């Protein structure tokens, strides 16, 4: 399974992705910042800081699951980035929210 985790641009995003990968006996391939890469089985993470929202929508087609990580709005550099991430639900059918 190919999973893309969306979060803020902190080290916490990588840690949460690591945890999810471990829980699923998988691997965290780390930060994804280019939508032209060949995607292997496993977990990746990115943010609207790394890839613009419209490109995340295109990139999402390469993944089986898209998970918005459970990070409070206060942990984001700017609330707009948080809301831009949440609003991706309007454009990505298989987007889910962690712990929801």
PDB file of N, CA and C in Angstrom:
ATOM      1  N   UNK A   1       0.832  -1.171   0.000  1.00  0.00           N
ATOM      2  CA  UNK A   1       0.000   0.000   0.000  1.00  0.00           C
ATOM      3  C   UNK A   1       0.885   1.246   0.000  1.00  0.00           C
ATOM      4  N   UNK A   2       0.449   2.251  -0.734  1.00  0.00           N
ATOM      5  CA  UNK A   2       1.149   3.532  -0.828  1.00  0.00           C
ATOM      6  C   UNK A   2       0.338   4.571  -0.066  1.00  0.00           C
ATOM      7  N   UNK A   3       0.977   5.202   0.932  1.00  0.00           N
ATOM      8  CA  UNK A   3       0.273   6.128   1.817  1.00  0.00           C
ATOM      9  C   UNK A   3       1.020   7.454   1.847  1.00  0.00           C
ATOM     10  N   UNK A   4       0.280   8.539   1.671  1.00  0.00           N
ATOM     11  CA  UNK A   4       0.836   9.883   1.772  1.00  0.00           C
ATOM     12  C   UNK A   4       0.252  10.548   3.006  1.00  0.00           C
ATOM     13  N   UNK A   5       1.121  10.997   3.900  1.00  0.00           N
ATOM     14  CA  UNK A   5       0.710  11.708   5.100  1.00  0.00           C
ATOM     15  C   UNK A   5       0.946  13.196   4.891  1.00  0.00           C
ATOM     16  N   UNK A   6      -0.043  13.989   5.258  1.00  0.00           N
ATOM     17  CA  UNK A   6       0.044  15.445   5.130  1.00  0.00           C
ATOM     18  C   UNK A   6       0.118  16.050   6.516  1.00  0.00           C
ATOM     19  N   UNK A   7       1.074  16.952   6.693  1.00  0.00           N
ATOM     20  CA  UNK A   7       1.225  17.587   7.995  1.00  0.00           C
ATOM     21  C   UNK A   7       1.891  18.932   7.879  1.00  0.00           C
ATOM     22  N   UNK A   8       2.321  19.465   9.029  1.00  0.00           N
ATOM     23  CA  UNK A   8       3.044  20.727   9.008  1.00  0.00           C
ATOM     24  C   UNK A   8       4.494  20.442   8.592  1.00  0.00           C
ATOM     25  N   UNK A   9       5.312  21.422   8.559  1.00  0.00           N
ATOM     26  CA  UNK A   9       6.677  21.220   8.083  1.00  0.00           C
ATOM     27  C   UNK A   9       7.668  21.046   9.223  1.00  0.00           C
ATOM     28  N   UNK A  10       7.247  20.355  10.274  1.00  0.00           N
ATOM     29  CA  UNK A  10       8.125  20.128  11.425  1.00  0.00           C
ATOM     30  C   UNK A  10       8.608  18.680  11.462  1.00  0.00           C
ATOM     31  N   UNK A  11       9.562  18.428  12.339  1.00  0.00           N
ATOM     32  CA  UNK A  11      10.073  17.064  12.527  1.00  0.00           C
ATOM     33  C   UNK A  11       8.983  16.140  13.066  1.00  0.00           C
ATOM     34  N   UNK A  12       7.963  16.720  13.710  1.00  0.00           N
ATOM     35  CA  UNK A  12       6.862  15.919  14.230  1.00  0.00           C
ATOM     36  C   UNK A  12       6.145  15.171  13.108  1.00  0.00           C
ATOM     37  N   UNK A  13       6.066  15.770  11.925  1.00  0.00           N
ATOM     38  CA  UNK A  13       5.417  15.124  10.780  1.00  0.00           C
ATOM     39  C   UNK A  13       6.130  13.823  10.432  1.00  0.00           C
ATOM     40  N   UNK A  14       7.443  13.856  10.399  1.00  0.00           N
ATOM     41  CA  UNK A  14       8.222  12.651  10.097  1.00  0.00           C
ATOM     42  C   UNK A  14       8.033  11.609  11.195  1.00  0.00           C
ATOM     43  N   UNK A  15       8.017  12.048  12.456  1.00  0.00           N
ATOM     44  CA  UNK A  15       7.840  11.116  13.568  1.00  0.00           C
ATOM     45  C   UNK A  15       6.472  10.442  13.519  1.00  0.00           C
ATOM     46  N   UNK A  16       5.415  11.227  13.268  1.00  0.00           N
ATOM     47  CA  UNK A  16       4.074  10.643  13.170  1.00  0.00           C
ATOM     48  C   UNK A  16       3.967   9.675  11.998  1.00  0.00           C
ATOM     49  N   UNK A  17       4.617  10.016  10.894  1.00  0.00           N
ATOM     50  CA  UNK A  17       4.621   9.122   9.728  1.00  0.00           C
ATOM     51  C   UNK A  17       5.381   7.841  10.051  1.00  0.00           C
ATOM     52  N   UNK A  18       6.499   7.956  10.763  1.00  0.00           N
ATOM     53  CA  UNK A  18       7.251   6.777  11.217  1.00  0.00           C
ATOM     54  C   UNK A  18       6.364   5.868  12.058  1.00  0.00           C
ATOM     55  N   UNK A  19       5.627   6.466  12.983  1.00  0.00           N
ATOM     56  CA  UNK A  19       4.744   5.684  13.857  1.00  0.00           C
ATOM     57  C   UNK A  19       3.694   4.927  13.052  1.00  0.00           C
ATOM     58  N   UNK A  20       3.066   5.613  12.098  1.00  0.00           N
ATOM     59  CA  UNK A  20       2.053   4.953  11.268  1.00  0.00           C
ATOM     60  C   UNK A  20       2.661   3.831  10.424  1.00  0.00           C
ATOM     61  N   UNK A  21       3.828   4.090   9.876  1.00  0.00           N
ATOM     62  CA  UNK A  21       4.499   3.063   9.073  1.00  0.00           C
ATOM     63  C   UNK A  21       4.807   1.836   9.938  1.00  0.00           C
ATOM     64  N   UNK A  22       5.335   2.060  11.133  1.00  0.00           N
ATOM     65  CA  UNK A  22       5.654   0.945  12.036  1.00  0.00           C
ATOM     66  C   UNK A  22       4.405   0.159  12.414  1.00  0.00           C
ATOM     67  N   UNK A  23       3.316   0.866  12.727  1.00  0.00           N
ATOM     68  CA  UNK A  23       2.060   0.207  13.087  1.00  0.00           C
ATOM     69  C   UNK A  23       1.543  -0.677  11.953  1.00  0.00           C
ATOM     70  N   UNK A  24       1.905  -0.334  10.734  1.00  0.00           N
ATOM     71  CA  UNK A  24       1.444  -1.076   9.559  1.00  0.00           C
ATOM     72  C   UNK A  24       2.535  -1.958   8.968  1.00  0.00           C
ATOM     73  N   UNK A  25       3.576  -2.236   9.749  1.00  0.00           N
ATOM     74  CA  UNK A  25       4.708  -3.051   9.299  1.00  0.00           C
ATOM     75  C   UNK A  25       5.201  -2.603   7.925  1.00  0.00           C
ATOM     76  N   UNK A  26       5.419  -1.302   7.813  1.00  0.00           N
ATOM     77  CA  UNK A  26       5.842  -0.719   6.556  1.00  0.00           C
ATOM     78  C   UNK A  26       7.038   0.188   6.793  1.00  0.00           C
ATOM     79  N   UNK A  27       7.408   0.938   5.775  1.00  0.00           N
ATOM     80  CA  UNK A  27       8.570   1.815   5.832  1.00  0.00           C
ATOM     81  C   UNK A  27       8.145   3.256   5.562  1.00  0.00           C
ATOM     82  N   UNK A  28       8.823   4.178   6.230  1.00  0.00           N
ATOM     83  CA  UNK A  28       8.642   5.599   5.974  1.00  0.00           C
ATOM     84  C   UNK A  28       9.747   6.022   5.010  1.00  0.00           C
ATOM     85  N   UNK A  29       9.371   6.386   3.801  1.00  0.00           N
ATOM     86  CA  UNK A  29      10.353   6.830   2.813  1.00  0.00           C
ATOM     87  C   UNK A  29      10.763   8.281   3.030  1.00  0.00           C
ATOM     88  N   UNK A  30      10.054   8.994   3.905  1.00  0.00           N
ATOM     89  CA  UNK A  30      10.428  10.353   4.254  1.00  0.00           C
ATOM     90  C   UNK A  30       9.696  11.410   3.451  1.00  0.00           C
ATOM     91  N   UNK A  31      10.298  12.588   3.436  1.00  0.00           N
ATOM     92  CA  UNK A  31       9.696  13.760   2.802  1.00  0.00           C
ATOM     93  C   UNK A  31       9.602  13.601   1.295  1.00  0.00           C
ATOM     94  N   UNK A  32       8.445  13.905   0.783  1.00  0.00           N
ATOM     95  CA  UNK A  32       8.195  13.914  -0.651  1.00  0.00           C
ATOM     96  C   UNK A  32       8.025  15.367  -1.065  1.00  0.00           C
ATOM     97  N   UNK A  33       8.903  15.826  -1.952  1.00  0.00           N
ATOM     98  CA  UNK A  33       8.827  17.226  -2.369  1.00  0.00           C
ATOM     99  C   UNK A  33       8.787  17.380  -3.879  1.00  0.00           C
ATOM    100  N   UNK A  34       8.609  16.260  -4.592  1.00  0.00           N
ATOM    101  CA  UNK A  34       8.575  16.292  -6.050  1.00  0.00           C
ATOM    102  C   UNK A  34       7.489  15.340  -6.516  1.00  0.00           C
ATOM    103  N   UNK A  35       6.519  15.840  -7.273  1.00  0.00           N
ATOM    104  CA  UNK A  35       5.404  14.977  -7.684  1.00  0.00           C
ATOM    105  C   UNK A  35       5.701  14.153  -8.931  1.00  0.00           C
ATOM    106  N   UNK A  36       6.922  14.185  -9.437  1.00  0.00           N
ATOM    107  CA  UNK A  36       7.274  13.390 -10.605  1.00  0.00           C
ATOM    108  C   UNK A  36       8.005  12.102 -10.241  1.00  0.00           C
ATOM    109  N   UNK A  37       8.161  11.821  -8.972  1.00  0.00           N
ATOM    110  CA  UNK A  37       8.878  10.633  -8.535  1.00  0.00           C
ATOM    111  C   UNK A  37       8.053   9.368  -8.735  1.00  0.00           C
ATOM    112  N   UNK A  38       8.756   8.266  -8.884  1.00  0.00           N
ATOM    113  CA  UNK A  38       8.099   6.962  -8.889  1.00  0.00           C
ATOM    114  C   UNK A  38       7.839   6.610  -7.426  1.00  0.00           C
ATOM    115  N   UNK A  39       6.626   6.264  -7.107  1.00  0.00           N
ATOM    116  CA  UNK A  39       6.219   6.001  -5.729  1.00  0.00           C
ATOM    117  C   UNK A  39       6.249   4.498  -5.470  1.00  0.00           C
ATOM    118  N   UNK A  40       6.983   4.099  -4.431  1.00  0.00           N
ATOM    119  CA  UNK A  40       7.070   2.696  -4.020  1.00  0.00           C
ATOM    120  C   UNK A  40       6.082   2.438  -2.892  1.00  0.00           C
ATOM    121  N   UNK A  41       5.870   1.170  -2.583  1.00  0.00           N
ATOM    122  CA  UNK A  41       5.031   0.802  -1.449  1.00  0.00           C
ATOM    123  C   UNK A  41       5.615   1.415  -0.183  1.00  0.00           C
ATOM    124  N   UNK A  42       4.749   1.893   0.693  1.00  0.00           N
ATOM    125  CA  UNK A  42       5.196   2.450   1.954  1.00  0.00           C
ATOM    126  C   UNK A  42       4.587   3.813   2.212  1.00  0.00           C
ATOM    127  N   UNK A  43       5.135   4.496   3.197  1.00  0.00           N
ATOM    128  CA  UNK A  43       4.616   5.777   3.660  1.00  0.00           C
ATOM    129  C   UNK A  43       5.544   6.915   3.239  1.00  0.00           C
ATOM    130  N   UNK A  44       4.950   8.035   2.926  1.00  0.00           N
ATOM    131  CA  UNK A  44       5.650   9.273   2.590  1.00  0.00           C
ATOM    132  C   UNK A  44       4.948  10.395   3.339  1.00  0.00           C
ATOM    133  N   UNK A  45       5.618  11.521   3.471  1.00  0.00           N
ATOM    134  CA  UNK A  45       4.938  12.689   4.034  1.00  0.00           C
ATOM    135  C   UNK A  45       5.340  13.935   3.268  1.00  0.00           C
ATOM    136  N   UNK A  46       4.439  14.914   3.298  1.00  0.00           N
ATOM    137  CA  UNK A  46       4.691  16.205   2.675  1.00  0.00           C
ATOM    138  C   UNK A  46       3.759  17.221   3.313  1.00  0.00           C
ATOM    139  N   UNK A  47       3.842  18.445   2.834  1.00  0.00           N
ATOM    140  CA  UNK A  47       2.986  19.507   3.344  1.00  0.00           C
ATOM    141  C   UNK A  47       2.733  20.524   2.238  1.00  0.00           C
ATOM    142  N   UNK A  48       1.807  21.427   2.502  1.00  0.00           N
ATOM    143  CA  UNK A  48       1.548  22.494   1.542  1.00  0.00           C
ATOM    144  C   UNK A  48       2.714  23.480   1.497  1.00  0.00           C
ATOM    145  N   UNK A  49       3.628  23.387   2.440  1.00  0.00           N
ATOM    146  CA  UNK A  49       4.862  24.178   2.394  1.00  0.00           C
ATOM    147  C   UNK A  49       5.829  23.605   1.351  1.00  0.00           C
ATOM    148  N   UNK A  50       5.798  22.280   1.184  1.00  0.00           N
ATOM    149  CA  UNK A  50       6.723  21.595   0.284  1.00  0.00           C
ATOM    150  C   UNK A  50       6.190  21.465  -1.135  1.00  0.00           C
ATOM    151  N   UNK A  51       4.891  21.236  -1.242  1.00  0.00           N
ATOM    152  CA  UNK A  51       4.233  21.064  -2.537  1.00  0.00           C
ATOM    153  C   UNK A  51       2.938  21.869  -2.507  1.00  0.00           C
ATOM    154  N   UNK A  52       2.686  22.707  -3.509  1.00  0.00           N
ATOM    155  CA  UNK A  52       1.449  23.486  -3.520  1.00  0.00           C
ATOM    156  C   UNK A  52       0.204  22.578  -3.526  1.00  0.00           C
ATOM    157  N   UNK A  53      -0.888  23.043  -2.913  1.00  0.00           N
ATOM    158  CA  UNK A  53      -2.097  22.212  -2.815  1.00  0.00           C
ATOM    159  C   UNK A  53      -2.562  21.609  -4.136  1.00  0.00           C
ATOM    160  N   UNK A  54      -2.559  22.384  -5.232  1.00  0.00           N
ATOM    161  CA  UNK A  54      -3.023  21.836  -6.512  1.00  0.00           C
ATOM    162  C   UNK A  54      -2.138  20.685  -6.993  1.00  0.00           C
ATOM    163  N   UNK A  55      -0.859  20.722  -6.672  1.00  0.00           N
ATOM    164  CA  UNK A  55       0.032  19.614  -7.046  1.00  0.00           C
ATOM    165  C   UNK A  55      -0.151  18.425  -6.111  1.00  0.00           C
ATOM    166  N   UNK A  56      -0.500  18.687  -4.849  1.00  0.00           N
ATOM    167  CA  UNK A  56      -0.805  17.578  -3.938  1.00  0.00           C
ATOM    168  C   UNK A  56      -2.022  16.819  -4.453  1.00  0.00           C
ATOM    169  N   UNK A  57      -3.007  17.532  -4.980  1.00  0.00           N
ATOM    170  CA  UNK A  57      -4.196  16.874  -5.550  1.00  0.00           C
ATOM    171  C   UNK A  57      -3.779  15.948  -6.689  1.00  0.00           C
ATOM    172  N   UNK A  58      -2.912  16.415  -7.572  1.00  0.00           N
ATOM    173  CA  UNK A  58      -2.432  15.566  -8.684  1.00  0.00           C
ATOM    174  C   UNK A  58      -1.620  14.388  -8.138  1.00  0.00           C
ATOM    175  N   UNK A  59      -0.758  14.649  -7.172  1.00  0.00           N
ATOM    176  CA  UNK A  59       0.090  13.618  -6.579  1.00  0.00           C
ATOM    177  C   UNK A  59      -0.744  12.552  -5.874  1.00  0.00           C
ATOM    178  N   UNK A  60      -1.853  12.935  -5.300  1.00  0.00           N
ATOM    179  CA  UNK A  60      -2.676  12.005  -4.534  1.00  0.00           C
ATOM    180  C   UNK A  60      -3.159  10.822  -5.366  1.00  0.00           C
ATOM    181  N   UNK A  61      -3.236  10.983  -6.661  1.00  0.00           N
ATOM    182  CA  UNK A  61      -3.690   9.905  -7.545  1.00  0.00           C
ATOM    183  C   UNK A  61      -2.715   8.722  -7.560  1.00  0.00           C
ATOM    184  N   UNK A  62      -1.489   8.935  -7.099  1.00  0.00           N
ATOM    185  CA  UNK A  62      -0.484   7.877  -7.053  1.00  0.00           C
ATOM    186  C   UNK A  62      -0.531   7.075  -5.754  1.00  0.00           C
ATOM    187  N   UNK A  63      -1.437   7.444  -4.835  1.00  0.00           N
ATOM    188  CA  UNK A  63      -1.478   6.825  -3.516  1.00  0.00           C
ATOM    189  C   UNK A  63      -2.815   6.137  -3.260  1.00  0.00           C
ATOM    190  N   UNK A  64      -2.748   5.085  -2.427  1.00  0.00           N
ATOM    191  CA  UNK A  64      -3.950   4.357  -2.019  1.00  0.00           C
ATOM    192  C   UNK A  64      -4.684   5.089  -0.900  1.00  0.00           C
ATOM    193  N   UNK A  65      -3.918   5.725  -0.030  1.00  0.00           N
ATOM    194  CA  UNK A  65      -4.488   6.449   1.110  1.00  0.00           C
ATOM    195  C   UNK A  65      -3.767   7.780   1.267  1.00  0.00           C
ATOM    196  N   UNK A  66      -4.523   8.782   1.683  1.00  0.00           N
ATOM    197  CA  UNK A  66      -3.976  10.092   2.017  1.00  0.00           C
ATOM    198  C   UNK A  66      -4.461  10.384   3.431  1.00  0.00           C
ATOM    199  N   UNK A  67      -3.536  10.649   4.348  1.00  0.00           N
ATOM    200  CA  UNK A  67      -3.885  10.872   5.746  1.00  0.00           C
ATOM    201  C   UNK A  67      -3.403  12.254   6.184  1.00  0.00           C
ATOM    202  N   UNK A  68      -4.317  13.058   6.711  1.00  0.00           N
ATOM    203  CA  UNK A  68      -3.930  14.312   7.353  1.00  0.00           C
ATOM    204  C   UNK A  68      -3.582  13.956   8.795  1.00  0.00           C
ATOM    205  N   UNK A  69      -2.343  14.221   9.164  1.00  0.00           N
ATOM    206  CA  UNK A  69      -1.869  13.863  10.496  1.00  0.00           C
ATOM    207  C   UNK A  69      -2.546  14.699  11.575  1.00  0.00           C
ATOM    208  N   UNK A  70      -2.647  14.127  12.757  1.00  0.00           N
ATOM    209  CA  UNK A  70      -3.290  14.778  13.891  1.00  0.00           C
ATOM    210  C   UNK A  70      -2.312  15.768  14.532  1.00  0.00           C
ATOM    211  N   UNK A  71      -2.319  16.996  14.000  1.00  0.00           N
ATOM    212  CA  UNK A  71      -1.466  18.072  14.512  1.00  0.00           C
ATOM    213  C   UNK A  71      -2.343  19.301  14.713  1.00  0.00           C
ATOM    214  N   UNK A  72      -2.299  19.862  15.896  1.00  0.00           N
ATOM    215  CA  UNK A  72      -3.160  21.014  16.178  1.00  0.00           C
ATOM    216  C   UNK A  72      -2.731  22.221  15.352  1.00  0.00           C
ATOM    217  N   UNK A  73      -3.665  23.102  15.108  1.00  0.00           N
ATOM    218  CA  UNK A  73      -3.406  24.299  14.304  1.00  0.00           C
ATOM    219  C   UNK A  73      -2.268  25.127  14.913  1.00  0.00           C
ATOM    220  N   UNK A  74      -2.097  25.072  16.216  1.00  0.00           N
ATOM    221  CA  UNK A  74      -1.041  25.840  16.882  1.00  0.00           C
ATOM    222  C   UNK A  74       0.364  25.382  16.503  1.00  0.00           C
ATOM    223  N   UNK A  75       0.498  24.159  16.002  1.00  0.00           N
ATOM    224  CA  UNK A  75       1.824  23.645  15.639  1.00  0.00           C
ATOM    225  C   UNK A  75       2.240  24.050  14.225  1.00  0.00           C
ATOM    226  N   UNK A  76       1.360  24.714  13.507  1.00  0.00           N
ATOM    227  CA  UNK A  76       1.648  25.131  12.142  1.00  0.00           C
ATOM    228  C   UNK A  76       2.237  26.540  12.156  1.00  0.00           C
ATOM    229  N   UNK A  77       3.114  26.830  11.190  1.00  0.00           N
ATOM    230  CA  UNK A  77       3.714  28.159  11.098  1.00  0.00           C
ATOM    231  C   UNK A  77       2.671  29.233  10.822  1.00  0.00           C
ATOM    232  N   UNK A  78       1.630  28.859  10.097  1.00  0.00           N
ATOM    233  CA  UNK A  78       0.598  29.825   9.768  1.00  0.00           C
ATOM    234  C   UNK A  78      -0.737  29.094   9.626  1.00  0.00           C
ATOM    235  N   UNK A  79      -1.822  29.639  10.175  1.00  0.00           N
ATOM    236  CA  UNK A  79      -3.119  28.958  10.088  1.00  0.00           C
ATOM    237  C   UNK A  79      -3.593  28.717   8.661  1.00  0.00           C
ATOM    238  N   UNK A  80      -3.196  29.570   7.723  1.00  0.00           N
ATOM    239  CA  UNK A  80      -3.616  29.387   6.330  1.00  0.00           C
ATOM    240  C   UNK A  80      -3.121  28.054   5.779  1.00  0.00           C
ATOM    241  N   UNK A  81      -1.906  27.671   6.122  1.00  0.00           N
ATOM    242  CA  UNK A  81      -1.369  26.383   5.658  1.00  0.00           C
ATOM    243  C   UNK A  81      -2.194  25.229   6.230  1.00  0.00           C
ATOM    244  N   UNK A  82      -2.574  25.342   7.482  1.00  0.00           N
ATOM    245  CA  UNK A  82      -3.420  24.328   8.114  1.00  0.00           C
ATOM    246  C   UNK A  82      -4.751  24.216   7.371  1.00  0.00           C
ATOM    247  N   UNK A  83      -5.401  25.349   7.147  1.00  0.00           N
ATOM    248  CA  UNK A  83      -6.705  25.331   6.484  1.00  0.00           C
ATOM    249  C   UNK A  83      -6.596  24.893   5.028  1.00  0.00           C
ATOM    250  N   UNK A  84      -5.522  25.243   4.356  1.00  0.00           N
ATOM    251  CA  UNK A  84      -5.305  24.760   2.980  1.00  0.00           C
ATOM    252  C   UNK A  84      -5.178  23.244   2.951  1.00  0.00           C
ATOM    253  N   UNK A  85      -4.563  22.681   3.974  1.00  0.00           N
ATOM    254  CA  UNK A  85      -4.421  21.226   4.058  1.00  0.00           C
ATOM    255  C   UNK A  85      -5.782  20.576   4.311  1.00  0.00           C
ATOM    256  N   UNK A  86      -6.522  21.096   5.270  1.00  0.00           N
ATOM    257  CA  UNK A  86      -7.851  20.554   5.580  1.00  0.00           C
ATOM    258  C   UNK A  86      -8.775  20.657   4.365  1.00  0.00           C
ATOM    259  N   UNK A  87      -8.683  21.748   3.642  1.00  0.00           N
ATOM    260  CA  UNK A  87      -9.549  21.965   2.478  1.00  0.00           C
ATOM    261  C   UNK A  87      -9.243  21.035   1.307  1.00  0.00           C
ATOM    262  N   UNK A  88      -8.134  20.328   1.359  1.00  0.00           N
ATOM    263  CA  UNK A  88      -7.842  19.354   0.298  1.00  0.00           C
ATOM    264  C   UNK A  88      -8.908  18.261   0.238  1.00  0.00           C
ATOM    265  N   UNK A  89      -9.649  18.078   1.335  1.00  0.00           N
ATOM    266  CA  UNK A  89     -10.723  17.079   1.369  1.00  0.00           C
ATOM    267  C   UNK A  89     -11.741  17.334   0.251  1.00  0.00           C
ATOM    268  N   UNK A  90     -11.910  18.570  -0.156  1.00  0.00           N
ATOM    269  CA  UNK A  90     -12.844  18.919  -1.223  1.00  0.00           C
ATOM    270  C   UNK A  90     -12.402  18.358  -2.575  1.00  0.00           C
ATOM    271  N   UNK A  91     -11.105  18.051  -2.700  1.00  0.00           N
ATOM    272  CA  UNK A  91     -10.544  17.654  -3.990  1.00  0.00           C
ATOM    273  C   UNK A  91      -9.948  16.246  -4.011  1.00  0.00           C
ATOM    274  N   UNK A  92      -9.813  15.643  -2.841  1.00  0.00           N
ATOM    275  CA  UNK A  92      -9.206  14.307  -2.754  1.00  0.00           C
ATOM    276  C   UNK A  92     -10.195  13.384  -2.058  1.00  0.00           C
ATOM    277  N   UNK A  93     -10.770  12.460  -2.827  1.00  0.00           N
ATOM    278  CA  UNK A  93     -11.805  11.569  -2.292  1.00  0.00           C
ATOM    279  C   UNK A  93     -11.295  10.655  -1.185  1.00  0.00           C
ATOM    280  N   UNK A  94     -10.069  10.136  -1.337  1.00  0.00           N
ATOM    281  CA  UNK A  94      -9.566   9.156  -0.372  1.00  0.00           C
ATOM    282  C   UNK A  94      -8.766   9.805   0.748  1.00  0.00           C
ATOM    283  N   UNK A  95      -8.986  11.106   1.006  1.00  0.00           N
ATOM    284  CA  UNK A  95      -8.313  11.789   2.106  1.00  0.00           C
ATOM    285  C   UNK A  95      -9.054  11.486   3.403  1.00  0.00           C
ATOM    286  N   UNK A  96      -8.278  11.112   4.406  1.00  0.00           N
ATOM    287  CA  UNK A  96      -8.853  10.812   5.720  1.00  0.00           C
ATOM    288  C   UNK A  96      -8.064  11.565   6.783  1.00  0.00           C
ATOM    289  N   UNK A  97      -8.665  11.701   7.940  1.00  0.00           N
ATOM    290  CA  UNK A  97      -8.024  12.415   9.037  1.00  0.00           C
ATOM    291  C   UNK A  97      -7.607  11.417  10.105  1.00  0.00           C
ATOM    292  N   UNK A  98      -6.363  11.503  10.551  1.00  0.00           N
ATOM    293  CA  UNK A  98      -5.859  10.605  11.581  1.00  0.00           C
ATOM    294  C   UNK A  98      -6.686  10.784  12.845  1.00  0.00           C
ATOM    295  N   UNK A  99      -6.999   9.668  13.501  1.00  0.00           N
ATOM    296  CA  UNK A  99      -7.769   9.663  14.758  1.00  0.00           C
ATOM    297  C   UNK A  99      -9.175  10.212  14.607  1.00  0.00           C
ATOM    298  N   UNK A 100      -9.743  10.121  13.408  1.00  0.00           N
ATOM    299  CA  UNK A 100     -11.128  10.603  13.275  1.00  0.00           C
ATOM    300  C   UNK A 100     -12.056   9.472  12.878  1.00  0.00           C
TER     301      UNK A 100
END
